[in-house]
């Protein structure tokens, strides 16, 4: 049993920060060992052997759910469930509500603080799909145009192939892959670029 309840905040903070940090950056297991040590101290300080094992398993189930999300799903659902599972594990392990509140705050702050590791260490690739899924489009208020193609907007050219709806166009002696806006465009038709989104070029027949 810890002498002061607030000590639980620092232990869960450091444990969670290093464990989640290991998921975010490639530290070859160093952060995982440090984080595991802090979390072991936390649960062993409050629980008897049987409950210690149970709550450790519940806590690390949350970590496993985050790993599964990062490796397979990449939509954030299991990661959120995992975070809630970790909070429940530390909260219910505390001997009173004050220590439990400190513990929960420690987990939340530790998870947030782990993001700082991304600014210093090499990122893991397991979260890259989630980043790609969060696309920023012009309709959402972001300029998603690739600078290489930005100047093509409103430019006129010629279809080099039939577009049904994808085909090849030529503008100023340069060839591009483009998509028609639903019209049937045949080779040789004059076209105009009506939208550019990233590297996607949308054209219409003149």
N, C-alpha and C. Protein backbone atom coordinates (compact mmCIF):
# COMPACT_ATOMS: atom_id res chain seq x y z
N UNK A 1 0.85 -1.19 0.00
CA UNK A 1 0.00 0.00 0.00
C UNK A 1 0.89 1.24 0.00
N UNK A 2 0.57 2.17 -0.92
CA UNK A 2 1.35 3.40 -0.99
C UNK A 2 0.97 4.32 0.17
N UNK A 3 1.96 5.06 0.65
CA UNK A 3 1.74 5.96 1.79
C UNK A 3 0.75 7.07 1.43
N UNK A 4 0.89 7.62 0.24
CA UNK A 4 0.01 8.70 -0.21
C UNK A 4 -0.71 8.29 -1.49
N UNK A 5 -1.98 8.66 -1.58
CA UNK A 5 -2.78 8.27 -2.75
C UNK A 5 -2.25 8.88 -4.04
N UNK A 6 -1.71 10.10 -3.97
CA UNK A 6 -1.26 10.77 -5.18
C UNK A 6 -0.08 10.07 -5.85
N UNK A 7 0.60 9.21 -5.13
CA UNK A 7 1.72 8.48 -5.73
C UNK A 7 1.23 7.61 -6.89
N UNK A 8 -0.03 7.15 -6.78
CA UNK A 8 -0.60 6.31 -7.83
C UNK A 8 -0.65 7.04 -9.17
N UNK A 9 -0.85 8.36 -9.10
CA UNK A 9 -0.90 9.15 -10.34
C UNK A 9 0.43 9.07 -11.09
N UNK A 10 1.52 9.23 -10.39
CA UNK A 10 2.83 9.23 -11.04
C UNK A 10 3.20 7.84 -11.56
N UNK A 11 2.84 6.81 -10.80
CA UNK A 11 3.19 5.45 -11.23
C UNK A 11 2.41 5.05 -12.47
N UNK A 12 1.08 5.29 -12.47
CA UNK A 12 0.28 4.95 -13.65
C UNK A 12 0.63 5.85 -14.83
N UNK A 13 0.98 7.09 -14.53
CA UNK A 13 1.39 8.02 -15.59
C UNK A 13 2.63 7.50 -16.32
N UNK A 14 3.66 7.18 -15.55
CA UNK A 14 4.91 6.72 -16.15
C UNK A 14 4.74 5.36 -16.83
N UNK A 15 4.02 4.45 -16.16
CA UNK A 15 3.81 3.13 -16.74
C UNK A 15 3.09 3.20 -18.07
N UNK A 16 1.98 3.95 -18.10
CA UNK A 16 1.20 4.07 -19.33
C UNK A 16 1.96 4.82 -20.41
N UNK A 17 2.66 5.86 -20.03
CA UNK A 17 3.41 6.65 -21.01
C UNK A 17 4.45 5.79 -21.73
N UNK A 18 5.19 4.99 -20.98
CA UNK A 18 6.23 4.18 -21.62
C UNK A 18 5.64 3.00 -22.40
N UNK A 19 4.57 2.39 -21.89
CA UNK A 19 3.98 1.26 -22.61
C UNK A 19 3.35 1.69 -23.93
N UNK A 20 2.56 2.75 -23.90
CA UNK A 20 1.96 3.24 -25.15
C UNK A 20 3.04 3.84 -26.04
N UNK A 21 4.04 4.46 -25.41
CA UNK A 21 5.15 4.98 -26.18
C UNK A 21 5.86 3.90 -26.98
N UNK A 22 5.95 2.71 -26.41
CA UNK A 22 6.56 1.58 -27.14
C UNK A 22 5.74 1.22 -28.38
N UNK A 23 4.42 1.42 -28.31
CA UNK A 23 3.57 1.13 -29.47
C UNK A 23 3.73 2.18 -30.56
N UNK A 24 4.04 3.40 -30.17
CA UNK A 24 4.12 4.50 -31.12
C UNK A 24 5.49 4.63 -31.77
N UNK A 25 6.55 4.38 -31.00
CA UNK A 25 7.90 4.54 -31.53
C UNK A 25 8.68 3.25 -31.33
N UNK A 26 9.68 3.08 -32.14
CA UNK A 26 10.48 1.85 -32.12
C UNK A 26 11.65 2.00 -31.15
N UNK A 27 11.46 1.52 -29.92
CA UNK A 27 12.51 1.60 -28.91
C UNK A 27 13.06 0.22 -28.54
N UNK A 28 12.77 -0.76 -29.37
CA UNK A 28 13.32 -2.11 -29.22
C UNK A 28 13.00 -2.74 -27.85
N UNK A 29 11.85 -2.39 -27.30
CA UNK A 29 11.41 -3.01 -26.07
C UNK A 29 11.84 -2.32 -24.80
N UNK A 30 12.69 -1.30 -24.90
CA UNK A 30 13.18 -0.61 -23.71
C UNK A 30 12.03 0.07 -22.97
N UNK A 31 11.20 0.81 -23.70
CA UNK A 31 10.06 1.48 -23.09
C UNK A 31 9.08 0.47 -22.50
N UNK A 32 8.91 -0.66 -23.18
CA UNK A 32 7.98 -1.69 -22.70
C UNK A 32 8.44 -2.24 -21.35
N UNK A 33 9.71 -2.46 -21.20
CA UNK A 33 10.25 -2.98 -19.93
C UNK A 33 10.06 -1.97 -18.81
N UNK A 34 10.36 -0.69 -19.11
CA UNK A 34 10.20 0.36 -18.09
C UNK A 34 8.73 0.49 -17.69
N UNK A 35 7.86 0.54 -18.69
CA UNK A 35 6.43 0.67 -18.42
C UNK A 35 5.88 -0.51 -17.65
N UNK A 36 6.30 -1.70 -18.02
CA UNK A 36 5.85 -2.91 -17.32
C UNK A 36 6.28 -2.87 -15.86
N UNK A 37 7.47 -2.36 -15.61
CA UNK A 37 7.96 -2.26 -14.23
C UNK A 37 7.09 -1.34 -13.39
N UNK A 38 6.74 -0.18 -13.92
CA UNK A 38 5.91 0.76 -13.17
C UNK A 38 4.51 0.19 -12.91
N UNK A 39 3.92 -0.42 -13.93
CA UNK A 39 2.57 -0.96 -13.76
C UNK A 39 2.56 -2.12 -12.78
N UNK A 40 3.62 -2.93 -12.79
CA UNK A 40 3.73 -4.03 -11.84
C UNK A 40 3.79 -3.50 -10.42
N UNK A 41 4.55 -2.43 -10.22
CA UNK A 41 4.64 -1.80 -8.90
C UNK A 41 3.27 -1.30 -8.46
N UNK A 42 2.52 -0.71 -9.39
CA UNK A 42 1.20 -0.17 -9.05
C UNK A 42 0.26 -1.27 -8.56
N UNK A 43 0.08 -2.30 -9.37
CA UNK A 43 -0.87 -3.35 -9.01
C UNK A 43 -0.42 -4.15 -7.79
N UNK A 44 0.89 -4.41 -7.67
CA UNK A 44 1.38 -5.17 -6.52
C UNK A 44 1.27 -4.37 -5.23
N UNK A 45 1.24 -3.04 -5.35
CA UNK A 45 1.12 -2.20 -4.17
C UNK A 45 -0.27 -2.20 -3.57
N UNK A 46 -1.27 -2.56 -4.37
CA UNK A 46 -2.65 -2.50 -3.90
C UNK A 46 -3.33 -3.87 -3.78
N UNK A 47 -2.87 -4.85 -4.54
CA UNK A 47 -3.64 -6.09 -4.68
C UNK A 47 -2.90 -7.32 -4.15
N UNK A 48 -3.69 -8.28 -3.72
CA UNK A 48 -3.15 -9.59 -3.38
C UNK A 48 -2.83 -10.35 -4.67
N UNK A 49 -2.18 -11.47 -4.53
CA UNK A 49 -1.64 -12.19 -5.70
C UNK A 49 -2.68 -12.50 -6.75
N UNK A 50 -3.84 -13.05 -6.34
CA UNK A 50 -4.84 -13.47 -7.32
C UNK A 50 -5.39 -12.27 -8.09
N UNK A 51 -5.80 -11.23 -7.39
CA UNK A 51 -6.34 -10.05 -8.05
C UNK A 51 -5.25 -9.30 -8.80
N UNK A 52 -4.03 -9.39 -8.30
CA UNK A 52 -2.91 -8.77 -9.02
C UNK A 52 -2.79 -9.35 -10.42
N UNK A 53 -2.87 -10.66 -10.53
CA UNK A 53 -2.77 -11.32 -11.83
C UNK A 53 -3.95 -10.95 -12.72
N UNK A 54 -5.14 -10.94 -12.14
CA UNK A 54 -6.36 -10.64 -12.91
C UNK A 54 -6.29 -9.22 -13.49
N UNK A 55 -5.99 -8.26 -12.63
CA UNK A 55 -5.97 -6.87 -13.08
C UNK A 55 -4.81 -6.58 -14.03
N UNK A 56 -3.70 -7.26 -13.84
CA UNK A 56 -2.60 -7.11 -14.80
C UNK A 56 -3.04 -7.60 -16.18
N UNK A 57 -3.77 -8.72 -16.19
CA UNK A 57 -4.25 -9.27 -17.46
C UNK A 57 -5.26 -8.31 -18.12
N UNK A 58 -6.13 -7.73 -17.30
CA UNK A 58 -7.12 -6.78 -17.84
C UNK A 58 -6.41 -5.56 -18.41
N UNK A 59 -5.44 -5.04 -17.68
CA UNK A 59 -4.70 -3.87 -18.14
C UNK A 59 -3.99 -4.16 -19.46
N UNK A 60 -3.31 -5.29 -19.53
CA UNK A 60 -2.57 -5.61 -20.74
C UNK A 60 -3.47 -6.07 -21.87
N UNK A 61 -4.71 -6.47 -21.54
CA UNK A 61 -5.69 -6.71 -22.60
C UNK A 61 -5.95 -5.42 -23.36
N UNK A 62 -6.01 -4.32 -22.60
CA UNK A 62 -6.16 -3.02 -23.25
C UNK A 62 -5.01 -2.72 -24.19
N UNK A 63 -3.79 -3.02 -23.77
CA UNK A 63 -2.62 -2.82 -24.63
C UNK A 63 -2.72 -3.69 -25.88
N UNK A 64 -3.15 -4.93 -25.70
CA UNK A 64 -3.27 -5.86 -26.83
C UNK A 64 -4.30 -5.37 -27.83
N UNK A 65 -5.42 -4.84 -27.33
CA UNK A 65 -6.44 -4.30 -28.24
C UNK A 65 -5.88 -3.14 -29.06
N UNK A 66 -5.04 -2.33 -28.45
CA UNK A 66 -4.41 -1.23 -29.19
C UNK A 66 -3.49 -1.77 -30.28
N UNK A 67 -2.75 -2.83 -29.95
CA UNK A 67 -1.85 -3.43 -30.93
C UNK A 67 -2.63 -4.01 -32.10
N UNK A 68 -3.72 -4.71 -31.80
CA UNK A 68 -4.56 -5.28 -32.85
C UNK A 68 -5.11 -4.19 -33.76
N UNK A 69 -5.55 -3.09 -33.14
CA UNK A 69 -6.07 -1.97 -33.93
C UNK A 69 -4.99 -1.41 -34.85
N UNK A 70 -3.79 -1.21 -34.30
CA UNK A 70 -2.71 -0.65 -35.10
C UNK A 70 -2.23 -1.57 -36.20
N UNK A 71 -2.24 -2.88 -35.94
CA UNK A 71 -1.75 -3.85 -36.91
C UNK A 71 -2.77 -4.21 -37.98
N UNK A 72 -4.05 -4.31 -37.57
CA UNK A 72 -5.06 -4.87 -38.48
C UNK A 72 -6.14 -3.87 -38.89
N UNK A 73 -6.83 -3.29 -37.91
CA UNK A 73 -8.02 -2.49 -38.24
C UNK A 73 -7.70 -1.06 -38.63
N UNK A 74 -6.93 -0.39 -37.79
CA UNK A 74 -6.53 1.00 -38.04
C UNK A 74 -7.72 1.95 -38.16
N UNK A 75 -8.80 1.70 -37.41
CA UNK A 75 -9.90 2.66 -37.42
C UNK A 75 -10.10 3.31 -36.06
N UNK A 76 -9.29 2.90 -35.07
CA UNK A 76 -9.33 3.52 -33.76
C UNK A 76 -10.33 2.92 -32.78
N UNK A 77 -11.22 2.04 -33.24
CA UNK A 77 -12.26 1.49 -32.37
C UNK A 77 -11.68 0.66 -31.24
N UNK A 78 -10.86 -0.32 -31.58
CA UNK A 78 -10.27 -1.18 -30.55
C UNK A 78 -9.29 -0.41 -29.68
N UNK A 79 -8.65 0.59 -30.24
CA UNK A 79 -7.72 1.40 -29.45
C UNK A 79 -8.47 2.13 -28.34
N UNK A 80 -9.65 2.65 -28.65
CA UNK A 80 -10.45 3.34 -27.64
C UNK A 80 -10.93 2.36 -26.58
N UNK A 81 -11.41 1.18 -27.03
CA UNK A 81 -11.85 0.16 -26.08
C UNK A 81 -10.69 -0.26 -25.18
N UNK A 82 -9.50 -0.39 -25.79
CA UNK A 82 -8.32 -0.75 -25.01
C UNK A 82 -7.98 0.29 -23.96
N UNK A 83 -8.10 1.56 -24.32
CA UNK A 83 -7.81 2.64 -23.37
C UNK A 83 -8.80 2.61 -22.21
N UNK A 84 -10.08 2.37 -22.51
CA UNK A 84 -11.09 2.27 -21.46
C UNK A 84 -10.81 1.08 -20.55
N UNK A 85 -10.39 -0.03 -21.14
CA UNK A 85 -10.06 -1.23 -20.37
C UNK A 85 -8.92 -0.95 -19.39
N UNK A 86 -7.91 -0.23 -19.84
CA UNK A 86 -6.79 0.12 -18.97
C UNK A 86 -7.24 1.01 -17.82
N UNK A 87 -8.12 1.96 -18.13
CA UNK A 87 -8.63 2.86 -17.09
C UNK A 87 -9.42 2.10 -16.04
N UNK A 88 -10.27 1.17 -16.52
CA UNK A 88 -11.06 0.36 -15.59
C UNK A 88 -10.16 -0.47 -14.69
N UNK A 89 -9.11 -1.05 -15.26
CA UNK A 89 -8.21 -1.91 -14.49
C UNK A 89 -7.55 -1.15 -13.35
N UNK A 90 -7.01 0.03 -13.63
CA UNK A 90 -6.32 0.78 -12.57
C UNK A 90 -7.32 1.39 -11.59
N UNK A 91 -8.47 1.80 -12.10
CA UNK A 91 -9.47 2.42 -11.24
C UNK A 91 -10.03 1.47 -10.19
N UNK A 92 -10.36 0.25 -10.63
CA UNK A 92 -10.94 -0.73 -9.71
C UNK A 92 -9.91 -1.39 -8.81
N UNK A 93 -8.65 -1.22 -9.13
CA UNK A 93 -7.61 -1.81 -8.29
C UNK A 93 -7.26 -0.95 -7.08
N UNK A 94 -7.62 0.32 -7.13
CA UNK A 94 -7.30 1.24 -6.04
C UNK A 94 -8.16 0.95 -4.80
N UNK A 95 -7.62 1.17 -3.61
CA UNK A 95 -8.34 0.87 -2.38
C UNK A 95 -9.43 1.88 -2.04
N UNK A 96 -9.40 3.06 -2.62
CA UNK A 96 -10.42 4.07 -2.37
C UNK A 96 -10.59 4.93 -3.61
N UNK A 97 -11.66 5.74 -3.61
CA UNK A 97 -11.98 6.49 -4.82
C UNK A 97 -10.96 7.59 -5.10
N UNK A 98 -10.30 8.11 -4.09
CA UNK A 98 -9.29 9.14 -4.31
C UNK A 98 -8.09 8.56 -5.07
N UNK A 99 -7.60 7.43 -4.58
CA UNK A 99 -6.49 6.77 -5.26
C UNK A 99 -6.90 6.32 -6.66
N UNK A 100 -8.16 5.87 -6.77
CA UNK A 100 -8.65 5.45 -8.08
C UNK A 100 -8.69 6.60 -9.06
N UNK A 101 -9.13 7.77 -8.57
CA UNK A 101 -9.19 8.95 -9.44
C UNK A 101 -7.79 9.36 -9.87
N UNK A 102 -6.85 9.35 -8.94
CA UNK A 102 -5.46 9.66 -9.28
C UNK A 102 -4.93 8.68 -10.34
N UNK A 103 -5.28 7.42 -10.16
CA UNK A 103 -4.79 6.39 -11.08
C UNK A 103 -5.34 6.59 -12.49
N UNK A 104 -6.63 6.88 -12.56
CA UNK A 104 -7.26 7.10 -13.86
C UNK A 104 -6.66 8.33 -14.54
N UNK A 105 -6.48 9.40 -13.78
CA UNK A 105 -5.86 10.60 -14.34
C UNK A 105 -4.45 10.30 -14.84
N UNK A 106 -3.73 9.46 -14.09
CA UNK A 106 -2.38 9.08 -14.50
C UNK A 106 -2.37 8.35 -15.84
N UNK A 107 -3.33 7.44 -16.04
CA UNK A 107 -3.41 6.71 -17.31
C UNK A 107 -3.72 7.66 -18.46
N UNK A 108 -4.68 8.56 -18.25
CA UNK A 108 -5.06 9.50 -19.30
C UNK A 108 -3.90 10.43 -19.66
N UNK A 109 -3.26 10.99 -18.64
CA UNK A 109 -2.13 11.89 -18.90
C UNK A 109 -0.95 11.14 -19.50
N UNK A 110 -0.74 9.90 -19.05
CA UNK A 110 0.35 9.10 -19.59
C UNK A 110 0.16 8.79 -21.07
N UNK A 111 -1.09 8.46 -21.44
CA UNK A 111 -1.38 8.21 -22.85
C UNK A 111 -1.15 9.45 -23.70
N UNK A 112 -1.56 10.60 -23.18
CA UNK A 112 -1.36 11.85 -23.92
C UNK A 112 0.12 12.20 -24.01
N UNK A 113 0.85 12.01 -22.91
CA UNK A 113 2.28 12.34 -22.89
C UNK A 113 3.10 11.45 -23.83
N UNK A 114 2.62 10.22 -24.06
CA UNK A 114 3.36 9.31 -24.94
C UNK A 114 3.47 9.85 -26.36
N UNK A 115 2.54 10.72 -26.74
CA UNK A 115 2.58 11.30 -28.09
C UNK A 115 3.82 12.18 -28.29
N UNK A 116 4.39 12.65 -27.18
CA UNK A 116 5.60 13.48 -27.28
C UNK A 116 6.78 12.67 -27.83
N UNK A 117 6.75 11.36 -27.62
CA UNK A 117 7.84 10.53 -28.13
C UNK A 117 7.91 10.58 -29.65
N UNK A 118 6.76 10.86 -30.29
CA UNK A 118 6.73 10.91 -31.75
C UNK A 118 7.59 12.04 -32.30
N UNK A 119 7.82 13.05 -31.49
CA UNK A 119 8.63 14.19 -31.92
C UNK A 119 10.13 13.93 -31.80
N UNK A 120 10.47 12.83 -31.10
CA UNK A 120 11.89 12.57 -30.81
C UNK A 120 12.40 11.29 -31.46
N UNK A 121 11.58 10.23 -31.41
CA UNK A 121 12.04 8.92 -31.86
C UNK A 121 11.38 8.49 -33.16
N UNK A 122 11.93 7.45 -33.74
CA UNK A 122 11.44 6.92 -35.01
C UNK A 122 10.05 6.30 -34.84
N UNK A 123 9.13 6.67 -35.71
CA UNK A 123 7.75 6.18 -35.62
C UNK A 123 7.65 4.72 -36.04
N UNK A 124 6.71 4.02 -35.45
CA UNK A 124 6.35 2.69 -35.94
C UNK A 124 5.40 2.85 -37.13
N UNK A 125 5.44 1.89 -38.06
CA UNK A 125 4.60 1.97 -39.25
C UNK A 125 3.19 1.45 -39.02
N UNK A 126 2.94 0.87 -37.84
CA UNK A 126 1.67 0.19 -37.61
C UNK A 126 0.47 1.14 -37.60
N UNK A 127 0.72 2.45 -37.41
CA UNK A 127 -0.39 3.40 -37.38
C UNK A 127 -0.52 4.18 -38.68
N UNK A 128 0.25 3.82 -39.72
CA UNK A 128 0.25 4.61 -40.94
C UNK A 128 -1.08 4.55 -41.67
N UNK A 129 -1.75 3.39 -41.63
CA UNK A 129 -3.02 3.26 -42.35
C UNK A 129 -4.07 4.20 -41.77
N UNK A 130 -4.07 4.34 -40.44
CA UNK A 130 -5.04 5.23 -39.81
C UNK A 130 -4.82 6.65 -40.28
N UNK A 131 -3.57 7.06 -40.44
CA UNK A 131 -3.26 8.41 -40.90
C UNK A 131 -3.73 8.61 -42.33
N UNK A 132 -3.58 7.56 -43.16
CA UNK A 132 -3.99 7.67 -44.55
C UNK A 132 -5.50 7.71 -44.67
N UNK A 133 -6.22 7.08 -43.75
CA UNK A 133 -7.67 7.07 -43.80
C UNK A 133 -8.25 8.44 -43.49
N UNK A 134 -7.49 9.27 -42.77
CA UNK A 134 -7.97 10.59 -42.41
C UNK A 134 -7.62 11.57 -43.52
N UNK A 135 -8.32 11.47 -44.66
CA UNK A 135 -8.00 12.26 -45.82
C UNK A 135 -8.58 13.66 -45.68
N UNK A 136 -7.82 14.63 -46.14
CA UNK A 136 -8.24 16.02 -46.08
C UNK A 136 -8.64 16.46 -47.48
N UNK A 137 -9.91 16.74 -47.68
CA UNK A 137 -10.40 17.13 -49.00
C UNK A 137 -10.67 18.62 -49.05
N UNK A 138 -10.82 19.15 -50.25
CA UNK A 138 -11.10 20.57 -50.42
C UNK A 138 -12.46 20.92 -49.83
N UNK A 139 -13.42 19.99 -49.91
CA UNK A 139 -14.75 20.24 -49.39
C UNK A 139 -14.74 20.41 -47.87
N UNK A 140 -13.75 19.83 -47.19
CA UNK A 140 -13.66 19.91 -45.74
C UNK A 140 -12.90 21.17 -45.29
N UNK A 141 -12.52 21.98 -46.28
CA UNK A 141 -11.84 23.21 -45.92
C UNK A 141 -10.34 23.14 -46.02
N UNK A 142 -9.84 22.03 -46.54
CA UNK A 142 -8.39 21.89 -46.69
C UNK A 142 -8.04 21.92 -48.17
N UNK A 143 -6.86 22.38 -48.50
CA UNK A 143 -6.39 22.36 -49.87
C UNK A 143 -5.62 21.07 -50.09
N UNK A 144 -6.28 20.09 -50.73
CA UNK A 144 -5.67 18.78 -50.92
C UNK A 144 -5.02 18.65 -52.29
N UNK A 145 -4.92 19.73 -53.01
CA UNK A 145 -4.34 19.67 -54.34
C UNK A 145 -2.84 19.44 -54.27
N UNK A 146 -2.39 18.52 -55.08
CA UNK A 146 -0.96 18.34 -55.23
C UNK A 146 -0.43 19.50 -56.06
N UNK A 147 0.62 20.17 -55.60
CA UNK A 147 1.11 21.35 -56.29
C UNK A 147 1.47 21.06 -57.74
N UNK A 148 1.85 19.84 -58.01
CA UNK A 148 2.24 19.48 -59.37
C UNK A 148 1.08 19.60 -60.33
N UNK A 149 -0.15 19.38 -59.85
CA UNK A 149 -1.33 19.38 -60.70
C UNK A 149 -2.23 20.59 -60.49
N UNK A 150 -1.92 21.42 -59.55
CA UNK A 150 -2.79 22.54 -59.20
C UNK A 150 -3.04 23.47 -60.39
N UNK A 151 -2.01 23.69 -61.18
CA UNK A 151 -2.14 24.63 -62.29
C UNK A 151 -3.04 24.12 -63.39
N UNK A 152 -3.40 22.82 -63.36
CA UNK A 152 -4.22 22.24 -64.42
C UNK A 152 -5.68 22.66 -64.33
N UNK A 153 -6.11 23.14 -63.19
CA UNK A 153 -7.51 23.51 -63.02
C UNK A 153 -7.91 24.58 -64.04
N UNK A 154 -9.03 24.29 -64.76
CA UNK A 154 -9.60 25.15 -65.81
C UNK A 154 -8.79 25.14 -67.10
N UNK A 155 -7.73 24.32 -67.15
CA UNK A 155 -6.96 24.21 -68.39
C UNK A 155 -7.73 23.37 -69.41
N UNK A 156 -7.49 23.64 -70.69
CA UNK A 156 -8.14 22.89 -71.76
C UNK A 156 -7.12 22.00 -72.45
N UNK A 157 -7.60 20.87 -72.95
CA UNK A 157 -6.72 19.94 -73.63
C UNK A 157 -7.47 18.99 -74.52
N UNK A 158 -6.90 17.81 -74.72
CA UNK A 158 -7.48 16.84 -75.65
C UNK A 158 -7.41 15.44 -75.05
N UNK A 159 -8.45 14.66 -75.28
CA UNK A 159 -8.46 13.27 -74.83
C UNK A 159 -7.66 12.43 -75.80
N UNK A 160 -6.67 11.73 -75.32
CA UNK A 160 -5.85 10.87 -76.17
C UNK A 160 -6.44 9.48 -76.30
N UNK A 161 -7.29 9.10 -75.34
CA UNK A 161 -7.95 7.79 -75.37
C UNK A 161 -9.43 7.98 -75.03
N UNK A 162 -10.22 6.98 -75.32
CA UNK A 162 -11.61 7.01 -74.87
C UNK A 162 -11.62 6.99 -73.35
N UNK A 163 -12.53 7.74 -72.76
CA UNK A 163 -12.61 7.83 -71.30
C UNK A 163 -13.92 7.21 -70.84
N UNK A 164 -13.82 6.04 -70.17
CA UNK A 164 -15.02 5.28 -69.80
C UNK A 164 -14.99 4.79 -68.35
N UNK A 165 -14.77 5.59 -67.34
CA UNK A 165 -14.55 7.04 -67.40
C UNK A 165 -13.09 7.44 -67.33
N UNK A 166 -12.17 6.46 -67.10
CA UNK A 166 -10.76 6.79 -66.95
C UNK A 166 -10.06 6.74 -68.30
N UNK A 167 -9.16 7.67 -68.51
CA UNK A 167 -8.41 7.68 -69.75
C UNK A 167 -7.22 8.60 -69.65
N UNK A 168 -6.62 8.89 -70.80
CA UNK A 168 -5.43 9.74 -70.84
C UNK A 168 -5.75 11.02 -71.60
N UNK A 169 -5.28 12.13 -71.05
CA UNK A 169 -5.48 13.43 -71.69
C UNK A 169 -4.13 14.08 -71.95
N UNK A 170 -4.16 15.10 -72.82
CA UNK A 170 -2.94 15.86 -73.08
C UNK A 170 -3.24 17.33 -72.91
N UNK A 171 -2.40 17.99 -72.10
CA UNK A 171 -2.51 19.43 -71.89
C UNK A 171 -1.12 20.02 -72.03
N UNK A 172 -0.97 20.94 -72.98
CA UNK A 172 0.32 21.59 -73.21
C UNK A 172 1.45 20.58 -73.38
N UNK A 173 1.19 19.61 -74.27
CA UNK A 173 2.18 18.59 -74.64
C UNK A 173 2.54 17.63 -73.51
N UNK A 174 1.80 17.69 -72.36
CA UNK A 174 2.02 16.75 -71.28
C UNK A 174 0.82 15.82 -71.17
N UNK A 175 1.09 14.54 -70.87
CA UNK A 175 0.03 13.56 -70.77
C UNK A 175 -0.28 13.27 -69.30
N UNK A 176 -1.58 13.10 -68.99
CA UNK A 176 -2.03 12.85 -67.62
C UNK A 176 -3.14 11.80 -67.65
N UNK A 177 -3.24 11.07 -66.56
CA UNK A 177 -4.38 10.17 -66.36
C UNK A 177 -5.50 10.99 -65.75
N UNK A 178 -6.72 10.85 -66.28
CA UNK A 178 -7.83 11.67 -65.81
C UNK A 178 -9.12 10.85 -65.79
N UNK A 179 -10.15 11.45 -65.19
CA UNK A 179 -11.46 10.81 -65.08
C UNK A 179 -12.51 11.76 -65.61
N UNK A 180 -13.46 11.25 -66.40
CA UNK A 180 -14.52 12.10 -66.92
C UNK A 180 -15.58 12.31 -65.85
N UNK A 181 -16.39 13.34 -65.99
CA UNK A 181 -17.41 13.67 -65.00
C UNK A 181 -18.73 12.96 -65.28
N UNK A 182 -18.65 11.82 -65.92
CA UNK A 182 -19.85 11.04 -66.23
C UNK A 182 -20.18 11.05 -67.71
N UNK A 183 -19.56 11.94 -68.46
CA UNK A 183 -19.79 12.02 -69.90
C UNK A 183 -18.99 10.93 -70.63
N UNK A 184 -19.49 10.58 -71.80
CA UNK A 184 -18.75 9.65 -72.66
C UNK A 184 -17.81 10.49 -73.52
N UNK A 185 -16.53 10.39 -73.26
CA UNK A 185 -15.53 11.17 -73.99
C UNK A 185 -14.71 10.23 -74.85
N UNK A 186 -14.61 10.57 -76.14
CA UNK A 186 -13.86 9.72 -77.06
C UNK A 186 -12.53 10.37 -77.40
N UNK A 187 -11.65 9.56 -77.92
CA UNK A 187 -10.32 10.03 -78.29
C UNK A 187 -10.43 11.18 -79.30
N UNK A 188 -9.70 12.25 -79.03
CA UNK A 188 -9.71 13.42 -79.91
C UNK A 188 -10.63 14.53 -79.46
N UNK A 189 -11.55 14.25 -78.51
CA UNK A 189 -12.45 15.29 -78.01
C UNK A 189 -11.68 16.33 -77.22
N UNK A 190 -12.14 17.55 -77.29
CA UNK A 190 -11.57 18.62 -76.50
C UNK A 190 -12.15 18.55 -75.08
N UNK A 191 -11.30 18.74 -74.10
CA UNK A 191 -11.73 18.63 -72.70
C UNK A 191 -11.26 19.84 -71.89
N UNK A 192 -11.88 19.96 -70.71
CA UNK A 192 -11.49 21.01 -69.77
C UNK A 192 -11.40 20.41 -68.38
N UNK A 193 -10.37 20.75 -67.63
CA UNK A 193 -10.21 20.26 -66.26
C UNK A 193 -11.14 21.06 -65.35
N UNK A 194 -12.03 20.36 -64.65
CA UNK A 194 -12.99 21.04 -63.80
C UNK A 194 -12.70 20.87 -62.31
N UNK A 195 -11.85 19.91 -61.97
CA UNK A 195 -11.52 19.70 -60.57
C UNK A 195 -10.21 18.94 -60.45
N UNK A 196 -9.41 19.31 -59.46
CA UNK A 196 -8.18 18.60 -59.14
C UNK A 196 -8.19 18.32 -57.66
N UNK A 197 -8.10 17.05 -57.29
CA UNK A 197 -8.09 16.66 -55.87
C UNK A 197 -6.93 15.72 -55.66
N UNK A 198 -5.83 16.25 -55.12
CA UNK A 198 -4.62 15.44 -55.01
C UNK A 198 -4.07 15.21 -56.40
N UNK A 199 -3.96 13.95 -56.80
CA UNK A 199 -3.50 13.61 -58.15
C UNK A 199 -4.67 13.18 -59.03
N UNK A 200 -5.88 13.32 -58.53
CA UNK A 200 -7.07 12.96 -59.32
C UNK A 200 -7.51 14.17 -60.14
N UNK A 201 -7.60 13.97 -61.46
CA UNK A 201 -7.96 15.05 -62.38
C UNK A 201 -9.31 14.73 -62.99
N UNK A 202 -10.28 15.60 -62.78
CA UNK A 202 -11.63 15.41 -63.30
C UNK A 202 -11.84 16.37 -64.47
N UNK A 203 -12.31 15.82 -65.60
CA UNK A 203 -12.47 16.64 -66.80
C UNK A 203 -13.89 16.53 -67.36
N UNK A 204 -14.25 17.49 -68.18
CA UNK A 204 -15.52 17.43 -68.87
C UNK A 204 -15.28 17.72 -70.35
N UNK A 205 -16.22 17.26 -71.17
CA UNK A 205 -16.10 17.45 -72.60
C UNK A 205 -16.58 18.85 -72.99
N UNK A 206 -15.81 19.49 -73.86
CA UNK A 206 -16.20 20.84 -74.32
C UNK A 206 -17.17 20.73 -75.49
